[in-house]
Amino acid sequence: MSTISHDDIERAASQLRQAHESGVPCAPLNQFIPATDIEAGYAIQNMNTDYWIAEGRKLVGRKTGLTSKAVQNQLGVNQPDFGMLFSDMAYADGEDISLSRMLQPKVEGEIAFILGQDLDSDHLTLADVISAIDYAVCAIEIVDSRIADWQIKIMDTVADNASSGLYVLGSEPRKLGEFDPQLCGMVIEHRGEPISTGAGAACLGNPLHATLWLAKIMVDVKRPLKKGDTVLSGALGPMVSVTGEGVYELRIDGVGSVRASFVDGK
């Protein structure tokens, strides 16, 4: 159980909000909160989630992070993490995204599931998740960090809304029976060159498993997934840095494609 004071939680939450609003990254939080204190990290995230909702931002889904075993090992954890998705984080396929909205962005290729039913009961099963999913689309998650130079430990990324930034959803909805979430291949291309490849199995063995984990956790923390919510289920391959203006195109076998178009606008 975390022993961090409420004042330190507030201090960290304020520091992250200031970085978000100013566009200037802040120092790592682990300078005054233990780097392995995940509970403190979620307390900070939750405080900022409540703050943003009170400010009028609309919660429209969740993201699952750290679904790669290699990344978990790198950060010294044995489970994924989660963050909130707000409506002002969403972009359409090919819509211009100003680089000024982000601090130090990276992109990941994922499958997004859109729910047709609530997932708010105890003892959820994989069958419940499959029944609740209305459709899937390709998604590019634009990961970002309010922490300077990505100098993060597990507590930092959890506190920082699981290092969320923006996301782009494809416009080719697919029912679950139309593709294999576990075996589907993924590639992200930039300027005609593949820069990240992977498959569904890289995401906790199956993106549906990651979604079940997320749904159970959301019930536990009293923010259950609801009908209409978007779930970013986790990366299918390595994340790569955005190097400037240009288009990053994601293709997933059986699911379709989606493009993130970065421009140098203000």
C-alpha atoms as a PDB file:
ATOM      1  CA  MET A   1       0.000   0.000   0.000  1.00  0.00           C
ATOM      2  CA  SER A   2       1.292   3.442  -0.961  1.00  0.00           C
ATOM      3  CA  THR A   3       2.419   5.714   1.886  1.00  0.00           C
ATOM      4  CA  ILE A   4       2.709   8.833  -0.273  1.00  0.00           C
ATOM      5  CA  SER A   5       0.984  11.896   1.178  1.00  0.00           C
ATOM      6  CA  HIS A   6      -2.034  13.528  -0.423  1.00  0.00           C
ATOM      7  CA  ASP A   7       0.028  16.704  -0.856  1.00  0.00           C
ATOM      8  CA  ASP A   8       2.619  14.846  -2.926  1.00  0.00           C
ATOM      9  CA  ILE A   9      -0.131  13.263  -5.051  1.00  0.00           C
ATOM     10  CA  GLU A  10      -1.576  16.742  -5.683  1.00  0.00           C
ATOM     11  CA  ARG A  11       1.874  18.145  -6.429  1.00  0.00           C
ATOM     12  CA  ALA A  12       2.562  15.440  -9.013  1.00  0.00           C
ATOM     13  CA  ALA A  13      -0.885  15.770 -10.606  1.00  0.00           C
ATOM     14  CA  SER A  14      -0.463  19.533 -10.900  1.00  0.00           C
ATOM     15  CA  GLN A  15       2.996  19.112 -12.415  1.00  0.00           C
ATOM     16  CA  LEU A  16       1.618  16.838 -15.143  1.00  0.00           C
ATOM     17  CA  ARG A  17      -1.307  19.171 -15.882  1.00  0.00           C
ATOM     18  CA  GLN A  18       1.045  22.122 -16.189  1.00  0.00           C
ATOM     19  CA  ALA A  19       3.197  20.195 -18.665  1.00  0.00           C
ATOM     20  CA  HIS A  20       0.074  19.219 -20.621  1.00  0.00           C
ATOM     21  CA  GLU A  21      -1.198  22.798 -20.781  1.00  0.00           C
ATOM     22  CA  SER A  22       2.129  24.560 -21.390  1.00  0.00           C
ATOM     23  CA  GLY A  23       3.656  22.085 -23.830  1.00  0.00           C
ATOM     24  CA  VAL A  24       6.832  22.020 -21.749  1.00  0.00           C
ATOM     25  CA  PRO A  25       7.797  18.583 -20.355  1.00  0.00           C
ATOM     26  CA  CYS A  26       8.345  18.291 -16.623  1.00  0.00           C
ATOM     27  CA  ALA A  27      10.972  16.496 -14.582  1.00  0.00           C
ATOM     28  CA  PRO A  28      10.378  12.835 -13.672  1.00  0.00           C
ATOM     29  CA  LEU A  29       7.978  12.388 -10.796  1.00  0.00           C
ATOM     30  CA  ASN A  30      10.210   9.687  -9.357  1.00  0.00           C
ATOM     31  CA  GLN A  31      12.385  12.458  -7.958  1.00  0.00           C
ATOM     32  CA  PHE A  32       9.920  12.679  -5.048  1.00  0.00           C
ATOM     33  CA  ILE A  33       7.678   9.594  -5.438  1.00  0.00           C
ATOM     34  CA  PRO A  34       9.205   6.082  -5.515  1.00  0.00           C
ATOM     35  CA  ALA A  35       9.592   4.851  -9.088  1.00  0.00           C
ATOM     36  CA  THR A  36       7.929   1.513  -8.293  1.00  0.00           C
ATOM     37  CA  ASP A  37       4.899   2.905  -6.431  1.00  0.00           C
ATOM     38  CA  ILE A  38       2.204   1.971  -8.959  1.00  0.00           C
ATOM     39  CA  GLU A  39      -0.577   2.704  -6.470  1.00  0.00           C
ATOM     40  CA  ALA A  40       0.622   6.293  -6.151  1.00  0.00           C
ATOM     41  CA  GLY A  41       0.809   6.492  -9.934  1.00  0.00           C
ATOM     42  CA  TYR A  42      -2.846   5.522 -10.290  1.00  0.00           C
ATOM     43  CA  ALA A  43      -3.839   7.949  -7.524  1.00  0.00           C
ATOM     44  CA  ILE A  44      -2.211  10.749  -9.521  1.00  0.00           C
ATOM     45  CA  GLN A  45      -3.867   9.597 -12.739  1.00  0.00           C
ATOM     46  CA  ASN A  46      -7.262   9.361 -11.051  1.00  0.00           C
ATOM     47  CA  MET A  47      -6.929  12.848  -9.574  1.00  0.00           C
ATOM     48  CA  ASN A  48      -6.245  14.289 -13.010  1.00  0.00           C
ATOM     49  CA  THR A  49      -9.044  12.244 -14.593  1.00  0.00           C
ATOM     50  CA  ASP A  50     -11.505  13.753 -12.107  1.00  0.00           C
ATOM     51  CA  TYR A  51     -10.025  17.197 -12.772  1.00  0.00           C
ATOM     52  CA  TRP A  52     -10.400  16.920 -16.559  1.00  0.00           C
ATOM     53  CA  ILE A  53     -13.962  15.589 -16.328  1.00  0.00           C
ATOM     54  CA  ALA A  54     -14.867  18.493 -14.051  1.00  0.00           C
ATOM     55  CA  GLU A  55     -13.335  20.829 -16.645  1.00  0.00           C
ATOM     56  CA  GLY A  56     -15.696  19.421 -19.281  1.00  0.00           C
ATOM     57  CA  ARG A  57     -13.642  16.811 -21.098  1.00  0.00           C
ATOM     58  CA  LYS A  58     -15.693  13.775 -22.113  1.00  0.00           C
ATOM     59  CA  LEU A  59     -14.475  10.272 -21.258  1.00  0.00           C
ATOM     60  CA  VAL A  60     -15.055   8.030 -24.300  1.00  0.00           C
ATOM     61  CA  GLY A  61     -12.895   4.968 -23.661  1.00  0.00           C
ATOM     62  CA  ARG A  62      -9.740   3.473 -22.227  1.00  0.00           C
ATOM     63  CA  LYS A  63      -6.325   2.338 -23.413  1.00  0.00           C
ATOM     64  CA  THR A  64      -4.300  -0.658 -22.389  1.00  0.00           C
ATOM     65  CA  GLY A  65      -0.541  -0.169 -22.229  1.00  0.00           C
ATOM     66  CA  LEU A  66       2.480  -2.340 -21.465  1.00  0.00           C
ATOM     67  CA  THR A  67       0.935  -5.334 -23.255  1.00  0.00           C
ATOM     68  CA  SER A  68       4.352  -6.448 -24.489  1.00  0.00           C
ATOM     69  CA  LYS A  69       6.253  -8.786 -22.176  1.00  0.00           C
ATOM     70  CA  ALA A  70       9.523  -7.194 -23.286  1.00  0.00           C
ATOM     71  CA  VAL A  71       8.352  -3.721 -22.238  1.00  0.00           C
ATOM     72  CA  GLN A  72       6.975  -5.095 -18.956  1.00  0.00           C
ATOM     73  CA  ASN A  73      10.372  -6.621 -18.211  1.00  0.00           C
ATOM     74  CA  GLN A  74      12.061  -3.331 -19.087  1.00  0.00           C
ATOM     75  CA  LEU A  75       9.942  -1.455 -16.523  1.00  0.00           C
ATOM     76  CA  GLY A  76      10.036  -4.245 -13.937  1.00  0.00           C
ATOM     77  CA  VAL A  77       6.320  -5.103 -13.899  1.00  0.00           C
ATOM     78  CA  ASN A  78       4.294  -8.219 -14.655  1.00  0.00           C
ATOM     79  CA  GLN A  79       1.018  -6.753 -15.889  1.00  0.00           C
ATOM     80  CA  PRO A  80      -0.268  -4.062 -18.271  1.00  0.00           C
ATOM     81  CA  ASP A  81      -1.379  -0.597 -17.270  1.00  0.00           C
ATOM     82  CA  PHE A  82      -4.315   1.551 -18.340  1.00  0.00           C
ATOM     83  CA  GLY A  83      -5.215   5.131 -19.190  1.00  0.00           C
ATOM     84  CA  MET A  84      -8.246   7.229 -20.067  1.00  0.00           C
ATOM     85  CA  LEU A  85      -9.370   8.250 -23.560  1.00  0.00           C
ATOM     86  CA  PHE A  86     -11.079  11.633 -23.896  1.00  0.00           C
ATOM     87  CA  SER A  87     -13.051  12.789 -26.920  1.00  0.00           C
ATOM     88  CA  ASP A  88     -10.570  15.583 -27.689  1.00  0.00           C
ATOM     89  CA  MET A  89      -7.830  12.966 -28.172  1.00  0.00           C
ATOM     90  CA  ALA A  90      -9.579  11.327 -31.165  1.00  0.00           C
ATOM     91  CA  TYR A  91      -8.750  11.966 -34.819  1.00  0.00           C
ATOM     92  CA  ALA A  92     -10.270  10.558 -37.991  1.00  0.00           C
ATOM     93  CA  ASP A  93      -8.378   8.601 -40.631  1.00  0.00           C
ATOM     94  CA  GLY A  94      -6.052  10.988 -42.488  1.00  0.00           C
ATOM     95  CA  GLU A  95      -7.127  14.092 -40.558  1.00  0.00           C
ATOM     96  CA  ASP A  96      -4.316  16.612 -40.093  1.00  0.00           C
ATOM     97  CA  ILE A  97      -2.700  16.441 -36.651  1.00  0.00           C
ATOM     98  CA  SER A  98      -0.695  19.459 -35.596  1.00  0.00           C
ATOM     99  CA  LEU A  99       2.679  18.540 -34.156  1.00  0.00           C
ATOM    100  CA  SER A 100       2.199  21.423 -31.722  1.00  0.00           C
ATOM    101  CA  ARG A 101      -0.429  19.355 -29.859  1.00  0.00           C
ATOM    102  CA  MET A 102       2.257  16.940 -28.682  1.00  0.00           C
ATOM    103  CA  LEU A 103       5.537  17.068 -26.832  1.00  0.00           C
ATOM    104  CA  GLN A 104       7.550  14.011 -27.928  1.00  0.00           C
ATOM    105  CA  PRO A 105       5.196  11.699 -29.858  1.00  0.00           C
ATOM    106  CA  LYS A 106       5.614   8.074 -30.867  1.00  0.00           C
ATOM    107  CA  VAL A 107       3.179   5.868 -32.812  1.00  0.00           C
ATOM    108  CA  GLU A 108       1.915   2.333 -32.203  1.00  0.00           C
ATOM    109  CA  GLY A 109      -0.334   0.091 -34.274  1.00  0.00           C
ATOM    110  CA  GLU A 110      -3.319  -1.401 -32.446  1.00  0.00           C
ATOM    111  CA  ILE A 111      -6.763  -2.910 -32.813  1.00  0.00           C
ATOM    112  CA  ALA A 112      -9.515  -0.726 -31.365  1.00  0.00           C
ATOM    113  CA  PHE A 113     -12.697  -2.382 -30.162  1.00  0.00           C
ATOM    114  CA  ILE A 114     -15.942  -0.390 -30.020  1.00  0.00           C
ATOM    115  CA  LEU A 115     -18.373  -1.741 -27.450  1.00  0.00           C
ATOM    116  CA  GLY A 116     -22.031  -2.430 -28.148  1.00  0.00           C
ATOM    117  CA  GLN A 117     -22.787  -3.425 -24.572  1.00  0.00           C
ATOM    118  CA  ASP A 118     -21.696  -2.453 -21.072  1.00  0.00           C
ATOM    119  CA  LEU A 119     -18.947  -4.468 -19.387  1.00  0.00           C
ATOM    120  CA  ASP A 120     -19.822  -3.559 -15.820  1.00  0.00           C
ATOM    121  CA  SER A 121     -20.514  -6.834 -14.026  1.00  0.00           C
ATOM    122  CA  ASP A 122     -18.348  -8.820 -11.637  1.00  0.00           C
ATOM    123  CA  HIS A 123     -16.669 -12.040 -12.802  1.00  0.00           C
ATOM    124  CA  LEU A 124     -16.360 -11.015 -16.452  1.00  0.00           C
ATOM    125  CA  THR A 125     -15.282 -13.717 -18.899  1.00  0.00           C
ATOM    126  CA  LEU A 126     -13.801 -13.709 -22.387  1.00  0.00           C
ATOM    127  CA  ALA A 127     -17.236 -14.676 -23.688  1.00  0.00           C
ATOM    128  CA  ASP A 128     -18.647 -11.489 -22.118  1.00  0.00           C
ATOM    129  CA  VAL A 129     -16.008  -9.417 -23.892  1.00  0.00           C
ATOM    130  CA  ILE A 130     -16.632 -11.076 -27.257  1.00  0.00           C
ATOM    131  CA  SER A 131     -20.388 -10.554 -26.882  1.00  0.00           C
ATOM    132  CA  ALA A 132     -19.931  -6.903 -25.917  1.00  0.00           C
ATOM    133  CA  ILE A 133     -17.726  -5.910 -28.871  1.00  0.00           C
ATOM    134  CA  ASP A 134     -19.738  -4.347 -31.676  1.00  0.00           C
ATOM    135  CA  TYR A 135     -16.870  -3.995 -34.139  1.00  0.00           C
ATOM    136  CA  ALA A 136     -13.124  -3.478 -34.518  1.00  0.00           C
ATOM    137  CA  VAL A 137     -11.099  -0.930 -36.479  1.00  0.00           C
ATOM    138  CA  CYS A 138      -7.426  -0.218 -37.025  1.00  0.00           C
ATOM    139  CA  ALA A 139      -6.031   2.373 -34.642  1.00  0.00           C
ATOM    140  CA  ILE A 140      -2.839   4.362 -34.425  1.00  0.00           C
ATOM    141  CA  GLU A 141      -2.137   5.359 -30.865  1.00  0.00           C
ATOM    142  CA  ILE A 142       0.029   8.456 -30.655  1.00  0.00           C
ATOM    143  CA  VAL A 143       1.846   7.860 -27.419  1.00  0.00           C
ATOM    144  CA  ASP A 144       3.286  10.911 -25.682  1.00  0.00           C
ATOM    145  CA  SER A 145       4.932  11.766 -22.399  1.00  0.00           C
ATOM    146  CA  ARG A 146       4.727  14.841 -20.259  1.00  0.00           C
ATOM    147  CA  ILE A 147       7.993  13.667 -18.662  1.00  0.00           C
ATOM    148  CA  ALA A 148      11.124  15.205 -20.202  1.00  0.00           C
ATOM    149  CA  ASP A 149      13.114  12.980 -22.594  1.00  0.00           C
ATOM    150  CA  TRP A 150      10.900   9.954 -21.860  1.00  0.00           C
ATOM    151  CA  GLN A 151      12.858   9.426 -18.622  1.00  0.00           C
ATOM    152  CA  ILE A 152      10.077   7.318 -17.151  1.00  0.00           C
ATOM    153  CA  LYS A 153       9.709   4.485 -14.698  1.00  0.00           C
ATOM    154  CA  ILE A 154       6.500   2.534 -14.135  1.00  0.00           C
ATOM    155  CA  MET A 155       5.067   5.040 -11.653  1.00  0.00           C
ATOM    156  CA  ASP A 156       5.717   7.958 -14.029  1.00  0.00           C
ATOM    157  CA  THR A 157       3.930   6.423 -17.006  1.00  0.00           C
ATOM    158  CA  VAL A 158       0.958   5.261 -14.927  1.00  0.00           C
ATOM    159  CA  ALA A 159       0.595   8.725 -13.373  1.00  0.00           C
ATOM    160  CA  ASP A 160       0.861  10.312 -16.821  1.00  0.00           C
ATOM    161  CA  ASN A 161      -2.334   8.582 -18.026  1.00  0.00           C
ATOM    162  CA  ALA A 162      -0.292   5.613 -19.287  1.00  0.00           C
ATOM    163  CA  SER A 163       1.698   7.992 -21.524  1.00  0.00           C
ATOM    164  CA  SER A 164      -1.347   8.655 -23.668  1.00  0.00           C
ATOM    165  CA  GLY A 165      -1.425  11.361 -26.296  1.00  0.00           C
ATOM    166  CA  LEU A 166      -3.890  11.122 -29.171  1.00  0.00           C
ATOM    167  CA  TYR A 167      -5.345   8.351 -31.318  1.00  0.00           C
ATOM    168  CA  VAL A 168      -6.585   7.848 -34.856  1.00  0.00           C
ATOM    169  CA  LEU A 169      -9.371   5.408 -35.688  1.00  0.00           C
ATOM    170  CA  GLY A 170      -9.865   3.727 -39.049  1.00  0.00           C
ATOM    171  CA  SER A 171     -13.160   3.866 -40.900  1.00  0.00           C
ATOM    172  CA  GLU A 172     -13.490   0.219 -41.947  1.00  0.00           C
ATOM    173  CA  PRO A 173     -15.444  -1.527 -39.171  1.00  0.00           C
ATOM    174  CA  ARG A 174     -14.982  -5.291 -38.936  1.00  0.00           C
ATOM    175  CA  LYS A 175     -16.932  -7.838 -36.939  1.00  0.00           C
ATOM    176  CA  LEU A 176     -14.841 -10.235 -34.852  1.00  0.00           C
ATOM    177  CA  GLY A 177     -15.676 -13.155 -37.134  1.00  0.00           C
ATOM    178  CA  GLU A 178     -14.084 -11.385 -40.112  1.00  0.00           C
ATOM    179  CA  PHE A 179     -10.471 -11.574 -38.863  1.00  0.00           C
ATOM    180  CA  ASP A 180      -8.232 -13.409 -36.404  1.00  0.00           C
ATOM    181  CA  PRO A 181      -7.240 -11.046 -33.555  1.00  0.00           C
ATOM    182  CA  GLN A 182      -4.406 -13.349 -32.478  1.00  0.00           C
ATOM    183  CA  LEU A 183      -2.779 -14.150 -35.809  1.00  0.00           C
ATOM    184  CA  CYS A 184      -3.383 -10.986 -37.833  1.00  0.00           C
ATOM    185  CA  GLY A 185      -0.209  -9.308 -39.035  1.00  0.00           C
ATOM    186  CA  MET A 186       0.518  -5.598 -38.648  1.00  0.00           C
ATOM    187  CA  VAL A 187       2.810  -3.116 -40.407  1.00  0.00           C
ATOM    188  CA  ILE A 188       3.314   0.634 -40.037  1.00  0.00           C
ATOM    189  CA  GLU A 189       4.891   2.404 -43.015  1.00  0.00           C
ATOM    190  CA  HIS A 190       6.382   5.876 -43.293  1.00  0.00           C
ATOM    191  CA  ARG A 191       7.504   7.290 -46.645  1.00  0.00           C
ATOM    192  CA  GLY A 192       6.985   3.881 -48.207  1.00  0.00           C
ATOM    193  CA  GLU A 193       9.207   2.034 -45.747  1.00  0.00           C
ATOM    194  CA  PRO A 194       8.070  -0.379 -43.012  1.00  0.00           C
ATOM    195  CA  ILE A 195       9.100   0.968 -39.613  1.00  0.00           C
ATOM    196  CA  SER A 196       7.192  -1.380 -37.261  1.00  0.00           C
ATOM    197  CA  THR A 197       5.838  -4.883 -37.745  1.00  0.00           C
ATOM    198  CA  GLY A 198       4.039  -7.307 -35.473  1.00  0.00           C
ATOM    199  CA  ALA A 199       0.992  -9.462 -34.930  1.00  0.00           C
ATOM    200  CA  GLY A 200      -1.988  -9.842 -32.644  1.00  0.00           C
ATOM    201  CA  ALA A 201      -0.181 -12.381 -30.488  1.00  0.00           C
ATOM    202  CA  ALA A 202       2.268  -9.660 -29.367  1.00  0.00           C
ATOM    203  CA  CYS A 203      -0.553  -8.063 -27.354  1.00  0.00           C
ATOM    204  CA  LEU A 204      -0.775 -10.289 -24.238  1.00  0.00           C
ATOM    205  CA  GLY A 205      -1.096 -13.260 -26.582  1.00  0.00           C
ATOM    206  CA  ASN A 206      -4.365 -11.898 -28.028  1.00  0.00           C
ATOM    207  CA  PRO A 207      -5.893  -8.373 -28.001  1.00  0.00           C
ATOM    208  CA  LEU A 208      -9.098  -9.903 -26.616  1.00  0.00           C
ATOM    209  CA  HIS A 209      -7.168 -11.084 -23.546  1.00  0.00           C
ATOM    210  CA  ALA A 210      -5.891  -7.533 -23.037  1.00  0.00           C
ATOM    211  CA  THR A 211      -9.440  -6.212 -23.322  1.00  0.00           C
ATOM    212  CA  LEU A 212     -10.699  -8.696 -20.736  1.00  0.00           C
ATOM    213  CA  TRP A 213      -7.927  -7.647 -18.350  1.00  0.00           C
ATOM    214  CA  LEU A 214      -8.886  -4.003 -18.880  1.00  0.00           C
ATOM    215  CA  ALA A 215     -12.613  -4.627 -18.414  1.00  0.00           C
ATOM    216  CA  LYS A 216     -12.048  -6.396 -15.089  1.00  0.00           C
ATOM    217  CA  ILE A 217      -9.744  -3.651 -13.811  1.00  0.00           C
ATOM    218  CA  MET A 218     -12.228  -0.960 -14.820  1.00  0.00           C
ATOM    219  CA  VAL A 219     -14.926  -2.646 -12.755  1.00  0.00           C
ATOM    220  CA  ASP A 220     -12.533  -2.801  -9.798  1.00  0.00           C
ATOM    221  CA  VAL A 221     -11.679   0.918  -9.989  1.00  0.00           C
ATOM    222  CA  LYS A 222     -15.329   1.962 -10.444  1.00  0.00           C
ATOM    223  CA  ARG A 223     -14.911   3.241 -14.011  1.00  0.00           C
ATOM    224  CA  PRO A 224     -16.525   0.337 -15.925  1.00  0.00           C
ATOM    225  CA  LEU A 225     -16.526   0.184 -19.698  1.00  0.00           C
ATOM    226  CA  LYS A 226     -19.847   1.200 -21.240  1.00  0.00           C
ATOM    227  CA  LYS A 227     -21.712   0.821 -24.517  1.00  0.00           C
ATOM    228  CA  GLY A 228     -20.101   3.055 -27.138  1.00  0.00           C
ATOM    229  CA  ASP A 229     -16.695   3.146 -25.437  1.00  0.00           C
ATOM    230  CA  THR A 230     -13.521   2.790 -27.490  1.00  0.00           C
ATOM    231  CA  VAL A 231     -10.891   0.354 -26.234  1.00  0.00           C
ATOM    232  CA  LEU A 232      -7.332   0.648 -27.525  1.00  0.00           C
ATOM    233  CA  SER A 233      -6.307  -2.907 -26.790  1.00  0.00           C
ATOM    234  CA  GLY A 234      -2.522  -2.574 -26.958  1.00  0.00           C
ATOM    235  CA  ALA A 235       0.379  -2.412 -29.377  1.00  0.00           C
ATOM    236  CA  LEU A 236       0.940  -5.200 -31.911  1.00  0.00           C
ATOM    237  CA  GLY A 237       4.548  -4.179 -32.488  1.00  0.00           C
ATOM    238  CA  PRO A 238       7.267  -1.730 -31.389  1.00  0.00           C
ATOM    239  CA  MET A 239       6.442   1.952 -31.032  1.00  0.00           C
ATOM    240  CA  VAL A 240       8.438   4.350 -33.184  1.00  0.00           C
ATOM    241  CA  SER A 241       9.193   8.055 -32.839  1.00  0.00           C
ATOM    242  CA  VAL A 242       7.453  10.623 -35.000  1.00  0.00           C
ATOM    243  CA  THR A 243      10.223  12.466 -36.810  1.00  0.00           C
ATOM    244  CA  GLY A 244       8.270  15.409 -38.199  1.00  0.00           C
ATOM    245  CA  GLU A 245       5.658  16.126 -40.810  1.00  0.00           C
ATOM    246  CA  GLY A 246       4.361  13.211 -42.841  1.00  0.00           C
ATOM    247  CA  VAL A 247       1.959  10.301 -42.966  1.00  0.00           C
ATOM    248  CA  TYR A 248       2.237   7.095 -40.953  1.00  0.00           C
ATOM    249  CA  GLU A 249       0.047   4.316 -42.373  1.00  0.00           C
ATOM    250  CA  LEU A 250      -1.025   1.252 -40.397  1.00  0.00           C
ATOM    251  CA  ARG A 251      -2.331  -1.913 -42.037  1.00  0.00           C
ATOM    252  CA  ILE A 252      -3.645  -4.933 -40.140  1.00  0.00           C
ATOM    253  CA  ASP A 253      -4.551  -8.126 -41.978  1.00  0.00           C
ATOM    254  CA  GLY A 254      -8.301  -8.515 -42.168  1.00  0.00           C
ATOM    255  CA  VAL A 255      -8.989  -5.258 -40.327  1.00  0.00           C
ATOM    256  CA  GLY A 256      -7.992  -2.615 -42.850  1.00  0.00           C
ATOM    257  CA  SER A 257      -5.822   0.466 -42.664  1.00  0.00           C
ATOM    258  CA  VAL A 258      -5.585   3.911 -41.092  1.00  0.00           C
ATOM    259  CA  ARG A 259      -3.354   6.938 -41.531  1.00  0.00           C
ATOM    260  CA  ALA A 260      -1.993   9.513 -39.076  1.00  0.00           C
ATOM    261  CA  SER A 261      -1.086  12.705 -40.940  1.00  0.00           C
ATOM    262  CA  PHE A 262       1.232  15.021 -39.017  1.00  0.00           C
ATOM    263  CA  VAL A 263       1.544  18.675 -40.044  1.00  0.00           C
ATOM    264  CA  ASP A 264       3.646  21.515 -38.684  1.00  0.00           C
ATOM    265  CA  GLY A 265       0.677  23.760 -37.918  1.00  0.00           C
ATOM    266  CA  LYS A 266      -0.122  25.688 -34.768  1.00  0.00           C
END
